Amino acid sequence: MEAIITIVGFLGAGKTTLLKYLTNHYLENNWQPFIVLNDYENASLDAIQFTDKLEPKWIRALTGSCICCSGINELRNYVNRIPERTNGITLIEANGTSDACSLMEFLGVGLNDRFLPPIQISVVDVKNWQKRGEHNELEANQIQVSSLLILTHLEKTSKEREEIVVKELKKLNPFAKIITIDSINVQLLSELLPSKNKAQSFKHQKAHWASCSCDLPNLPDADCIYDICKMLPKSLLRVKGCTKIGNNTKYTYFERNPDGEVFIRPFNGEPTTGAKLLTIGPNSETSILKKAILDSITKANKRLL
């Protein structure tokens, strides 16, 4: 029977990093993974990053809906159509605002008999755990029915902070194993059992934030990325984009995490929807995005004079 592993966690916690780690290890051990990525805006932007490892037919991007509620039927129907493979395993990355408890409750209903009951892994950003203000409840919800909790961003915090977070996690989910990404035994993940922990009630609709995107022209220099991320409102919990920089013929990917930290890295291939700037959170409005882009380019042109 084929295992289904769902990866959940707050925006910027490191879900895609974990998904890449698992995918690489499964491929190295002759497994055949199928990947499903869910996001409010342009999930294909992340999906393309896996095409250097997997053929596109083994990757599915679900955009514009939340797979724990409005998109659950689409997700379930698509999983049921995944071809049988030798050593097959299905990996699902939920968007950062998913109600992880509802996802586990509804996903397993109506799946084909060839699948094992879905299990869930939650990624926990130790640095920012429960520092989300009004979003703390959502973050706590995302670990309550997980079978395994993966600690991330440990290099940015102290051992004392890690111990405090682990203690809080155990109170919310005393049954889950808590480890770091480099301690994962990938071969044993498919043998994990669904969590028996009872989740607290959560009104997920208040986590349905606005999202939007707009075209992103070539940027004069990399400083434009930092300027755009700085100019956009802090209420935007997630900022990410993909474009070309200067005379570089290859694309560059960037993202701003909820804590304001900006990451820039090479982009694999070419975005199918073209260069884009995407945001999730209150004040996600196209006009705001376009103004930040224009102001950053104007600032860059003055630097280059």
C-alpha atoms as a PDB file:
ATOM      1  CA  MET A   1       0.000   0.000   0.000  1.00  0.00           C
ATOM      2  CA  GLU A   2       1.125   3.537  -0.714  1.00  0.00           C
ATOM      3  CA  ALA A   3       1.802   6.005   2.087  1.00  0.00           C
ATOM      4  CA  ILE A   4       0.565   9.603   1.976  1.00  0.00           C
ATOM      5  CA  ILE A   5       2.600  12.150   3.900  1.00  0.00           C
ATOM      6  CA  THR A   6       1.247  15.676   4.345  1.00  0.00           C
ATOM      7  CA  ILE A   7       3.605  18.480   5.328  1.00  0.00           C
ATOM      8  CA  VAL A   8       2.103  21.415   7.239  1.00  0.00           C
ATOM      9  CA  GLY A   9       3.449  24.438   9.074  1.00  0.00           C
ATOM     10  CA  PHE A  10       3.204  28.206   9.259  1.00  0.00           C
ATOM     11  CA  LEU A  11       4.298  30.460   6.400  1.00  0.00           C
ATOM     12  CA  GLY A  12       8.074  30.436   6.080  1.00  0.00           C
ATOM     13  CA  ALA A  13       8.676  27.592   8.529  1.00  0.00           C
ATOM     14  CA  GLY A  14      10.554  25.500   5.953  1.00  0.00           C
ATOM     15  CA  LYS A  15       7.958  23.155   4.413  1.00  0.00           C
ATOM     16  CA  THR A  16       9.376  23.283   0.890  1.00  0.00           C
ATOM     17  CA  THR A  17      12.892  22.740   2.222  1.00  0.00           C
ATOM     18  CA  LEU A  18      11.676  19.603   3.996  1.00  0.00           C
ATOM     19  CA  LEU A  19       9.820  18.460   0.868  1.00  0.00           C
ATOM     20  CA  LYS A  20      13.004  18.794  -1.190  1.00  0.00           C
ATOM     21  CA  TYR A  21      14.952  16.877   1.447  1.00  0.00           C
ATOM     22  CA  LEU A  22      12.453  14.018   1.476  1.00  0.00           C
ATOM     23  CA  THR A  23      12.173  13.920  -2.311  1.00  0.00           C
ATOM     24  CA  ASN A  24      15.942  13.674  -2.772  1.00  0.00           C
ATOM     25  CA  HIS A  25      16.270  10.897  -0.204  1.00  0.00           C
ATOM     26  CA  TYR A  26      13.381   8.878  -1.607  1.00  0.00           C
ATOM     27  CA  LEU A  27      14.807   9.100  -5.113  1.00  0.00           C
ATOM     28  CA  GLU A  28      18.245   8.061  -3.877  1.00  0.00           C
ATOM     29  CA  ASN A  29      16.651   4.962  -2.327  1.00  0.00           C
ATOM     30  CA  ASN A  30      14.674   3.982  -5.463  1.00  0.00           C
ATOM     31  CA  TRP A  31      11.283   5.220  -4.308  1.00  0.00           C
ATOM     32  CA  GLN A  32       8.923   6.909  -6.772  1.00  0.00           C
ATOM     33  CA  PRO A  33       7.473  10.029  -5.130  1.00  0.00           C
ATOM     34  CA  PHE A  34       4.479  11.973  -6.389  1.00  0.00           C
ATOM     35  CA  ILE A  35       4.382  15.586  -5.178  1.00  0.00           C
ATOM     36  CA  VAL A  36       1.357  17.832  -4.613  1.00  0.00           C
ATOM     37  CA  LEU A  37       1.905  21.500  -3.691  1.00  0.00           C
ATOM     38  CA  ASN A  38      -0.889  23.809  -2.562  1.00  0.00           C
ATOM     39  CA  ASP A  39      -0.795  27.606  -2.364  1.00  0.00           C
ATOM     40  CA  TYR A  40      -3.191  30.523  -2.696  1.00  0.00           C
ATOM     41  CA  GLU A  41      -1.157  32.137  -5.466  1.00  0.00           C
ATOM     42  CA  ASN A  42       0.819  30.418  -8.228  1.00  0.00           C
ATOM     43  CA  ALA A  43       1.780  27.100  -6.608  1.00  0.00           C
ATOM     44  CA  SER A  44       3.505  26.247  -9.894  1.00  0.00           C
ATOM     45  CA  LEU A  45       6.307  28.641  -8.909  1.00  0.00           C
ATOM     46  CA  ASP A  46       7.371  26.193  -6.202  1.00  0.00           C
ATOM     47  CA  ALA A  47       6.470  23.128  -8.268  1.00  0.00           C
ATOM     48  CA  ILE A  48       8.959  24.026 -11.004  1.00  0.00           C
ATOM     49  CA  GLN A  49      11.742  23.815  -8.437  1.00  0.00           C
ATOM     50  CA  PHE A  50      11.275  20.025  -8.405  1.00  0.00           C
ATOM     51  CA  THR A  51      11.476  19.438 -12.161  1.00  0.00           C
ATOM     52  CA  ASP A  52      15.231  18.918 -11.995  1.00  0.00           C
ATOM     53  CA  LYS A  53      14.523  15.775  -9.957  1.00  0.00           C
ATOM     54  CA  LEU A  54      11.130  14.568 -11.213  1.00  0.00           C
ATOM     55  CA  GLU A  55       9.301  14.566 -14.515  1.00  0.00           C
ATOM     56  CA  PRO A  56       6.468  17.129 -14.553  1.00  0.00           C
ATOM     57  CA  LYS A  57       3.869  14.327 -14.688  1.00  0.00           C
ATOM     58  CA  TRP A  58       4.833  13.382 -11.122  1.00  0.00           C
ATOM     59  CA  ILE A  59       4.237  16.907  -9.774  1.00  0.00           C
ATOM     60  CA  ARG A  60       0.900  18.629  -9.227  1.00  0.00           C
ATOM     61  CA  ALA A  61       0.361  22.283  -8.273  1.00  0.00           C
ATOM     62  CA  LEU A  62      -3.019  23.205  -6.746  1.00  0.00           C
ATOM     63  CA  THR A  63      -3.539  26.977  -6.772  1.00  0.00           C
ATOM     64  CA  GLY A  64      -6.351  29.239  -5.616  1.00  0.00           C
ATOM     65  CA  SER A  65      -7.956  27.087  -2.935  1.00  0.00           C
ATOM     66  CA  CYS A  66      -7.173  25.756   0.515  1.00  0.00           C
ATOM     67  CA  ILE A  67      -6.857  21.955   0.547  1.00  0.00           C
ATOM     68  CA  CYS A  68      -8.159  21.679   4.115  1.00  0.00           C
ATOM     69  CA  CYS A  69     -11.582  23.061   3.129  1.00  0.00           C
ATOM     70  CA  SER A  70     -12.581  24.429  -0.294  1.00  0.00           C
ATOM     71  CA  GLY A  71      -9.918  22.421  -2.110  1.00  0.00           C
ATOM     72  CA  ILE A  72     -10.237  19.102  -0.261  1.00  0.00           C
ATOM     73  CA  ASN A  73     -12.383  17.418  -2.910  1.00  0.00           C
ATOM     74  CA  GLU A  74     -10.013  18.473  -5.689  1.00  0.00           C
ATOM     75  CA  LEU A  75      -7.065  17.152  -3.687  1.00  0.00           C
ATOM     76  CA  ARG A  76      -8.750  13.845  -2.856  1.00  0.00           C
ATOM     77  CA  ASN A  77      -9.879  13.288  -6.443  1.00  0.00           C
ATOM     78  CA  TYR A  78      -6.423  14.006  -7.760  1.00  0.00           C
ATOM     79  CA  VAL A  79      -4.742  11.684  -5.254  1.00  0.00           C
ATOM     80  CA  ASN A  80      -7.105   8.886  -6.286  1.00  0.00           C
ATOM     81  CA  ARG A  81      -5.964   9.334  -9.898  1.00  0.00           C
ATOM     82  CA  ILE A  82      -2.255   9.044  -9.104  1.00  0.00           C
ATOM     83  CA  PRO A  83      -0.875   6.040 -11.058  1.00  0.00           C
ATOM     84  CA  GLU A  84       0.311   3.022  -9.117  1.00  0.00           C
ATOM     85  CA  ARG A  85       4.100   2.777  -8.982  1.00  0.00           C
ATOM     86  CA  THR A  86       6.631   0.384  -7.533  1.00  0.00           C
ATOM     87  CA  ASN A  87       7.740   1.887  -4.198  1.00  0.00           C
ATOM     88  CA  GLY A  88       5.319   4.773  -4.677  1.00  0.00           C
ATOM     89  CA  ILE A  89       4.854   7.449  -2.056  1.00  0.00           C
ATOM     90  CA  THR A  90       2.732  10.626  -2.164  1.00  0.00           C
ATOM     91  CA  LEU A  91       4.054  13.841  -0.597  1.00  0.00           C
ATOM     92  CA  ILE A  92       1.631  16.758  -0.077  1.00  0.00           C
ATOM     93  CA  GLU A  93       2.730  20.240   0.976  1.00  0.00           C
ATOM     94  CA  ALA A  94      -0.200  22.248   2.361  1.00  0.00           C
ATOM     95  CA  ASN A  95      -0.281  26.027   2.180  1.00  0.00           C
ATOM     96  CA  GLY A  96       0.944  27.912   5.245  1.00  0.00           C
ATOM     97  CA  THR A  97      -2.561  28.836   6.454  1.00  0.00           C
ATOM     98  CA  SER A  98      -4.045  25.344   6.358  1.00  0.00           C
ATOM     99  CA  ASP A  99      -6.144  24.007   9.211  1.00  0.00           C
ATOM    100  CA  ALA A 100      -3.982  20.930   9.677  1.00  0.00           C
ATOM    101  CA  CYS A 101      -6.536  19.171  11.880  1.00  0.00           C
ATOM    102  CA  SER A 102      -9.339  19.515   9.321  1.00  0.00           C
ATOM    103  CA  LEU A 103      -6.984  18.385   6.570  1.00  0.00           C
ATOM    104  CA  MET A 104      -6.287  15.117   8.350  1.00  0.00           C
ATOM    105  CA  GLU A 105      -9.941  14.649   9.241  1.00  0.00           C
ATOM    106  CA  PHE A 106     -11.227  15.018   5.675  1.00  0.00           C
ATOM    107  CA  LEU A 107      -8.383  13.827   3.429  1.00  0.00           C
ATOM    108  CA  GLY A 108      -8.604  10.187   4.473  1.00  0.00           C
ATOM    109  CA  VAL A 109     -12.320   9.925   3.698  1.00  0.00           C
ATOM    110  CA  GLY A 110     -12.942   8.485   0.237  1.00  0.00           C
ATOM    111  CA  LEU A 111      -9.379   7.545  -0.706  1.00  0.00           C
ATOM    112  CA  ASN A 112      -8.753   4.411  -2.749  1.00  0.00           C
ATOM    113  CA  ASP A 113      -7.989   1.242  -0.786  1.00  0.00           C
ATOM    114  CA  ARG A 114      -4.455   1.128  -2.158  1.00  0.00           C
ATOM    115  CA  PHE A 115      -3.501   4.080   0.079  1.00  0.00           C
ATOM    116  CA  LEU A 116      -2.571   3.899   3.742  1.00  0.00           C
ATOM    117  CA  PRO A 117      -4.285   6.367   6.104  1.00  0.00           C
ATOM    118  CA  PRO A 118      -2.547   9.755   5.615  1.00  0.00           C
ATOM    119  CA  ILE A 119      -0.008  10.825   8.200  1.00  0.00           C
ATOM    120  CA  GLN A 120       1.119  14.353   8.913  1.00  0.00           C
ATOM    121  CA  ILE A 121       4.473  16.034   9.554  1.00  0.00           C
ATOM    122  CA  SER A 122       4.554  19.556  10.948  1.00  0.00           C
ATOM    123  CA  VAL A 123       7.463  21.948  10.464  1.00  0.00           C
ATOM    124  CA  VAL A 124       8.058  24.228  13.466  1.00  0.00           C
ATOM    125  CA  ASP A 125      10.077  27.442  13.181  1.00  0.00           C
ATOM    126  CA  VAL A 126      11.715  27.513  16.616  1.00  0.00           C
ATOM    127  CA  LYS A 127      12.824  31.130  16.282  1.00  0.00           C
ATOM    128  CA  ASN A 128       9.303  32.451  15.659  1.00  0.00           C
ATOM    129  CA  TRP A 129       7.122  29.819  17.355  1.00  0.00           C
ATOM    130  CA  GLN A 130       4.138  31.508  19.058  1.00  0.00           C
ATOM    131  CA  LYS A 131       5.445  34.975  18.226  1.00  0.00           C
ATOM    132  CA  ARG A 132       2.795  35.431  15.522  1.00  0.00           C
ATOM    133  CA  GLY A 133       0.447  37.567  17.609  1.00  0.00           C
ATOM    134  CA  GLU A 134      -3.106  37.010  16.377  1.00  0.00           C
ATOM    135  CA  HIS A 135      -1.919  34.038  14.307  1.00  0.00           C
ATOM    136  CA  ASN A 136      -0.580  32.006  17.249  1.00  0.00           C
ATOM    137  CA  GLU A 137      -3.751  29.908  17.365  1.00  0.00           C
ATOM    138  CA  LEU A 138      -3.320  28.831  13.745  1.00  0.00           C
ATOM    139  CA  GLU A 139       0.320  27.921  14.306  1.00  0.00           C
ATOM    140  CA  ALA A 140      -0.592  25.847  17.359  1.00  0.00           C
ATOM    141  CA  ASN A 141      -3.365  24.127  15.390  1.00  0.00           C
ATOM    142  CA  GLN A 142      -0.843  22.999  12.800  1.00  0.00           C
ATOM    143  CA  ILE A 143       1.036  20.680  15.134  1.00  0.00           C
ATOM    144  CA  GLN A 144      -1.792  19.075  17.123  1.00  0.00           C
ATOM    145  CA  VAL A 145      -2.528  16.024  14.944  1.00  0.00           C
ATOM    146  CA  SER A 146       0.922  15.536  13.439  1.00  0.00           C
ATOM    147  CA  SER A 147       2.794  12.289  13.993  1.00  0.00           C
ATOM    148  CA  LEU A 148       6.182  13.951  13.653  1.00  0.00           C
ATOM    149  CA  LEU A 149       7.362  17.504  14.433  1.00  0.00           C
ATOM    150  CA  ILE A 150      10.432  18.854  12.621  1.00  0.00           C
ATOM    151  CA  LEU A 151      12.293  21.735  14.287  1.00  0.00           C
ATOM    152  CA  THR A 152      13.758  24.362  11.936  1.00  0.00           C
ATOM    153  CA  HIS A 153      15.722  27.634  12.144  1.00  0.00           C
ATOM    154  CA  LEU A 154      17.639  26.310  15.138  1.00  0.00           C
ATOM    155  CA  GLU A 155      20.799  28.055  13.958  1.00  0.00           C
ATOM    156  CA  LYS A 156      19.083  31.382  14.626  1.00  0.00           C
ATOM    157  CA  THR A 157      18.210  30.781  18.253  1.00  0.00           C
ATOM    158  CA  SER A 158      19.564  29.496  21.560  1.00  0.00           C
ATOM    159  CA  LYS A 159      19.431  26.077  23.170  1.00  0.00           C
ATOM    160  CA  GLU A 160      17.294  27.558  25.948  1.00  0.00           C
ATOM    161  CA  ARG A 161      14.766  28.787  23.393  1.00  0.00           C
ATOM    162  CA  GLU A 162      14.677  25.337  21.776  1.00  0.00           C
ATOM    163  CA  GLU A 163      13.963  23.703  25.136  1.00  0.00           C
ATOM    164  CA  ILE A 164      11.106  26.132  25.832  1.00  0.00           C
ATOM    165  CA  VAL A 165       9.535  25.462  22.414  1.00  0.00           C
ATOM    166  CA  VAL A 166       9.866  21.687  22.766  1.00  0.00           C
ATOM    167  CA  LYS A 167       8.145  21.844  26.158  1.00  0.00           C
ATOM    168  CA  GLU A 168       5.239  23.815  24.677  1.00  0.00           C
ATOM    169  CA  LEU A 169       4.971  21.432  21.726  1.00  0.00           C
ATOM    170  CA  LYS A 170       4.751  18.430  24.037  1.00  0.00           C
ATOM    171  CA  LYS A 171       1.865  20.043  25.910  1.00  0.00           C
ATOM    172  CA  LEU A 172      -0.069  20.541  22.677  1.00  0.00           C
ATOM    173  CA  ASN A 173       0.837  17.160  21.194  1.00  0.00           C
ATOM    174  CA  PRO A 174       2.305  14.691  23.693  1.00  0.00           C
ATOM    175  CA  PHE A 175       2.260  11.805  21.187  1.00  0.00           C
ATOM    176  CA  ALA A 176       4.370  13.289  18.384  1.00  0.00           C
ATOM    177  CA  LYS A 177       8.072  12.620  18.041  1.00  0.00           C
ATOM    178  CA  ILE A 178      10.139  15.832  17.910  1.00  0.00           C
ATOM    179  CA  ILE A 179      13.351  15.852  15.850  1.00  0.00           C
ATOM    180  CA  THR A 180      15.441  17.994  13.509  1.00  0.00           C
ATOM    181  CA  ILE A 181      15.535  17.539   9.737  1.00  0.00           C
ATOM    182  CA  ASP A 182      18.957  15.860   9.761  1.00  0.00           C
ATOM    183  CA  SER A 183      17.648  13.219  12.197  1.00  0.00           C
ATOM    184  CA  ILE A 184      14.907  11.962   9.863  1.00  0.00           C
ATOM    185  CA  ASN A 185      15.007   8.294   8.913  1.00  0.00           C
ATOM    186  CA  VAL A 186      13.264   8.691   5.558  1.00  0.00           C
ATOM    187  CA  GLN A 187      12.825   4.940   5.104  1.00  0.00           C
ATOM    188  CA  LEU A 188      10.689   4.726   8.239  1.00  0.00           C
ATOM    189  CA  LEU A 189       8.366   7.661   7.541  1.00  0.00           C
ATOM    190  CA  SER A 190       5.930   5.492   5.602  1.00  0.00           C
ATOM    191  CA  GLU A 191       5.529   3.355   8.744  1.00  0.00           C
ATOM    192  CA  LEU A 192       4.361   6.241  10.922  1.00  0.00           C
ATOM    193  CA  LEU A 193       0.843   5.933  12.287  1.00  0.00           C
ATOM    194  CA  PRO A 194      -1.795   8.706  12.269  1.00  0.00           C
ATOM    195  CA  SER A 195      -1.797  10.789  15.425  1.00  0.00           C
ATOM    196  CA  LYS A 196      -4.193   9.877  18.245  1.00  0.00           C
ATOM    197  CA  ASN A 197      -3.990  13.340  19.751  1.00  0.00           C
ATOM    198  CA  LYS A 198      -7.254  15.228  20.210  1.00  0.00           C
ATOM    199  CA  ALA A 199      -7.164  18.663  18.623  1.00  0.00           C
ATOM    200  CA  GLN A 200      -8.572  21.876  20.059  1.00  0.00           C
ATOM    201  CA  SER A 201     -11.335  23.588  18.082  1.00  0.00           C
ATOM    202  CA  PHE A 202     -10.254  26.277  15.636  1.00  0.00           C
ATOM    203  CA  LYS A 203     -12.227  28.673  13.422  1.00  0.00           C
ATOM    204  CA  HIS A 204     -10.237  28.309  10.244  1.00  0.00           C
ATOM    205  CA  GLN A 205     -12.080  30.968   8.263  1.00  0.00           C
ATOM    206  CA  LYS A 206     -10.228  33.713  10.130  1.00  0.00           C
ATOM    207  CA  ALA A 207      -6.996  32.378   8.620  1.00  0.00           C
ATOM    208  CA  HIS A 208      -8.253  32.817   5.068  1.00  0.00           C
ATOM    209  CA  TRP A 209      -6.223  35.845   4.145  1.00  0.00           C
ATOM    210  CA  ALA A 210      -6.188  37.805   0.945  1.00  0.00           C
ATOM    211  CA  SER A 211      -3.620  37.031  -1.735  1.00  0.00           C
ATOM    212  CA  CYS A 212      -2.639  38.547  -5.055  1.00  0.00           C
ATOM    213  CA  SER A 213       0.061  38.639  -7.710  1.00  0.00           C
ATOM    214  CA  CYS A 214       1.306  40.853 -10.505  1.00  0.00           C
ATOM    215  CA  ASP A 215       3.860  40.716 -13.307  1.00  0.00           C
ATOM    216  CA  LEU A 216       7.408  41.467 -12.227  1.00  0.00           C
ATOM    217  CA  PRO A 217       9.727  43.082 -14.806  1.00  0.00           C
ATOM    218  CA  ASN A 218      13.463  42.473 -14.966  1.00  0.00           C
ATOM    219  CA  LEU A 219      15.098  44.287 -12.057  1.00  0.00           C
ATOM    220  CA  PRO A 220      18.253  46.430 -12.468  1.00  0.00           C
ATOM    221  CA  ASP A 221      20.037  44.839  -9.513  1.00  0.00           C
ATOM    222  CA  ALA A 222      19.533  42.549  -6.545  1.00  0.00           C
ATOM    223  CA  ASP A 223      19.086  45.498  -4.188  1.00  0.00           C
ATOM    224  CA  CYS A 224      15.690  46.020  -5.831  1.00  0.00           C
ATOM    225  CA  ILE A 225      14.537  42.782  -4.231  1.00  0.00           C
ATOM    226  CA  TYR A 226      15.412  44.006  -0.750  1.00  0.00           C
ATOM    227  CA  ASP A 227      13.767  47.355  -1.490  1.00  0.00           C
ATOM    228  CA  ILE A 228      10.539  45.708  -2.666  1.00  0.00           C
ATOM    229  CA  CYS A 229      10.409  43.479   0.402  1.00  0.00           C
ATOM    230  CA  LYS A 230      11.054  46.449   2.693  1.00  0.00           C
ATOM    231  CA  MET A 231       8.438  48.651   1.006  1.00  0.00           C
ATOM    232  CA  LEU A 232       5.630  46.103   1.191  1.00  0.00           C
ATOM    233  CA  PRO A 233       3.498  46.254   4.382  1.00  0.00           C
ATOM    234  CA  LYS A 234       4.474  44.086   7.336  1.00  0.00           C
ATOM    235  CA  SER A 235       0.894  42.779   7.398  1.00  0.00           C
ATOM    236  CA  LEU A 236       1.803  40.724   4.325  1.00  0.00           C
ATOM    237  CA  LEU A 237       2.785  37.450   5.925  1.00  0.00           C
ATOM    238  CA  ARG A 238       4.344  36.005   2.802  1.00  0.00           C
ATOM    239  CA  VAL A 239       6.135  37.686  -0.101  1.00  0.00           C
ATOM    240  CA  LYS A 240       7.782  35.766  -2.905  1.00  0.00           C
ATOM    241  CA  GLY A 241       8.759  36.404  -6.477  1.00  0.00           C
ATOM    242  CA  CYS A 242      10.742  35.296  -9.488  1.00  0.00           C
ATOM    243  CA  THR A 243      12.418  37.450 -12.135  1.00  0.00           C
ATOM    244  CA  LYS A 244      15.691  38.181 -13.914  1.00  0.00           C
ATOM    245  CA  ILE A 245      18.331  40.473 -12.417  1.00  0.00           C
ATOM    246  CA  GLY A 246      20.424  42.813 -14.549  1.00  0.00           C
ATOM    247  CA  ASN A 247      21.946  41.050 -17.556  1.00  0.00           C
ATOM    248  CA  ASN A 248      21.535  37.584 -16.046  1.00  0.00           C
ATOM    249  CA  THR A 249      19.694  35.302 -18.479  1.00  0.00           C
ATOM    250  CA  LYS A 250      18.588  32.957 -15.686  1.00  0.00           C
ATOM    251  CA  TYR A 251      15.798  33.590 -13.200  1.00  0.00           C
ATOM    252  CA  THR A 252      16.224  34.477  -9.540  1.00  0.00           C
ATOM    253  CA  TYR A 253      13.751  33.444  -6.819  1.00  0.00           C
ATOM    254  CA  PHE A 254      13.229  35.401  -3.612  1.00  0.00           C
ATOM    255  CA  GLU A 255      10.971  35.335  -0.567  1.00  0.00           C
ATOM    256  CA  ARG A 256      10.300  37.372   2.549  1.00  0.00           C
ATOM    257  CA  ASN A 257       9.314  35.416   5.623  1.00  0.00           C
ATOM    258  CA  PRO A 258       6.802  36.688   8.210  1.00  0.00           C
ATOM    259  CA  ASP A 259       9.666  37.903  10.402  1.00  0.00           C
ATOM    260  CA  GLY A 260      10.945  40.112   7.572  1.00  0.00           C
ATOM    261  CA  GLU A 261      13.999  38.035   6.644  1.00  0.00           C
ATOM    262  CA  VAL A 262      14.681  37.937   2.889  1.00  0.00           C
ATOM    263  CA  PHE A 263      16.141  34.951   1.025  1.00  0.00           C
ATOM    264  CA  ILE A 264      17.429  34.993  -2.565  1.00  0.00           C
ATOM    265  CA  ARG A 265      18.448  31.950  -4.608  1.00  0.00           C
ATOM    266  CA  PRO A 266      18.705  30.764  -8.225  1.00  0.00           C
ATOM    267  CA  PHE A 267      15.468  29.548  -9.805  1.00  0.00           C
ATOM    268  CA  ASN A 268      15.397  26.208 -11.579  1.00  0.00           C
ATOM    269  CA  GLY A 269      14.062  26.616 -15.115  1.00  0.00           C
ATOM    270  CA  GLU A 270      11.551  29.218 -16.250  1.00  0.00           C
ATOM    271  CA  PRO A 271       8.268  30.115 -14.485  1.00  0.00           C
ATOM    272  CA  THR A 272       5.326  28.899 -16.577  1.00  0.00           C
ATOM    273  CA  THR A 273       3.280  31.983 -15.689  1.00  0.00           C
ATOM    274  CA  GLY A 274       6.128  34.409 -16.311  1.00  0.00           C
ATOM    275  CA  ALA A 275       7.982  36.540 -13.778  1.00  0.00           C
ATOM    276  CA  LYS A 276       5.680  37.313 -10.826  1.00  0.00           C
ATOM    277  CA  LEU A 277       5.507  39.000  -7.447  1.00  0.00           C
ATOM    278  CA  LEU A 278       3.136  37.216  -5.030  1.00  0.00           C
ATOM    279  CA  THR A 279       1.841  38.114  -1.570  1.00  0.00           C
ATOM    280  CA  ILE A 280      -0.376  36.533   1.095  1.00  0.00           C
ATOM    281  CA  GLY A 281      -1.949  38.420   3.976  1.00  0.00           C
ATOM    282  CA  PRO A 282      -3.972  41.540   4.783  1.00  0.00           C
ATOM    283  CA  ASN A 283      -3.365  44.399   2.317  1.00  0.00           C
ATOM    284  CA  SER A 284      -2.580  42.023  -0.540  1.00  0.00           C
ATOM    285  CA  GLU A 285      -3.542  44.424  -3.286  1.00  0.00           C
ATOM    286  CA  THR A 286      -2.115  44.601  -6.795  1.00  0.00           C
ATOM    287  CA  SER A 287      -1.765  48.386  -6.640  1.00  0.00           C
ATOM    288  CA  ILE A 288       0.483  48.095  -3.572  1.00  0.00           C
ATOM    289  CA  LEU A 289       2.677  45.510  -5.287  1.00  0.00           C
ATOM    290  CA  LYS A 290       3.007  47.581  -8.456  1.00  0.00           C
ATOM    291  CA  LYS A 291       3.943  50.713  -6.512  1.00  0.00           C
ATOM    292  CA  ALA A 292       6.680  48.856  -4.601  1.00  0.00           C
ATOM    293  CA  ILE A 293       8.102  47.516  -7.868  1.00  0.00           C
ATOM    294  CA  LEU A 294       8.065  50.939  -9.543  1.00  0.00           C
ATOM    295  CA  ASP A 295       9.606  52.677  -6.529  1.00  0.00           C
ATOM    296  CA  SER A 296      12.368  50.071  -6.270  1.00  0.00           C
ATOM    297  CA  ILE A 297      13.290  50.444  -9.946  1.00  0.00           C
ATOM    298  CA  THR A 298      13.293  54.245  -9.647  1.00  0.00           C
ATOM    299  CA  LYS A 299      15.594  53.962  -6.639  1.00  0.00           C
ATOM    300  CA  ALA A 300      17.876  51.557  -8.547  1.00  0.00           C
ATOM    301  CA  ASN A 301      18.102  53.867 -11.560  1.00  0.00           C
ATOM    302  CA  LYS A 302      19.306  56.660  -9.277  1.00  0.00           C
ATOM    303  CA  ARG A 303      21.948  54.326  -7.811  1.00  0.00           C
ATOM    304  CA  LEU A 304      23.204  53.437 -11.277  1.00  0.00           C
ATOM    305  CA  LEU A 305      23.563  57.030 -12.503  1.00  0.00           C
END
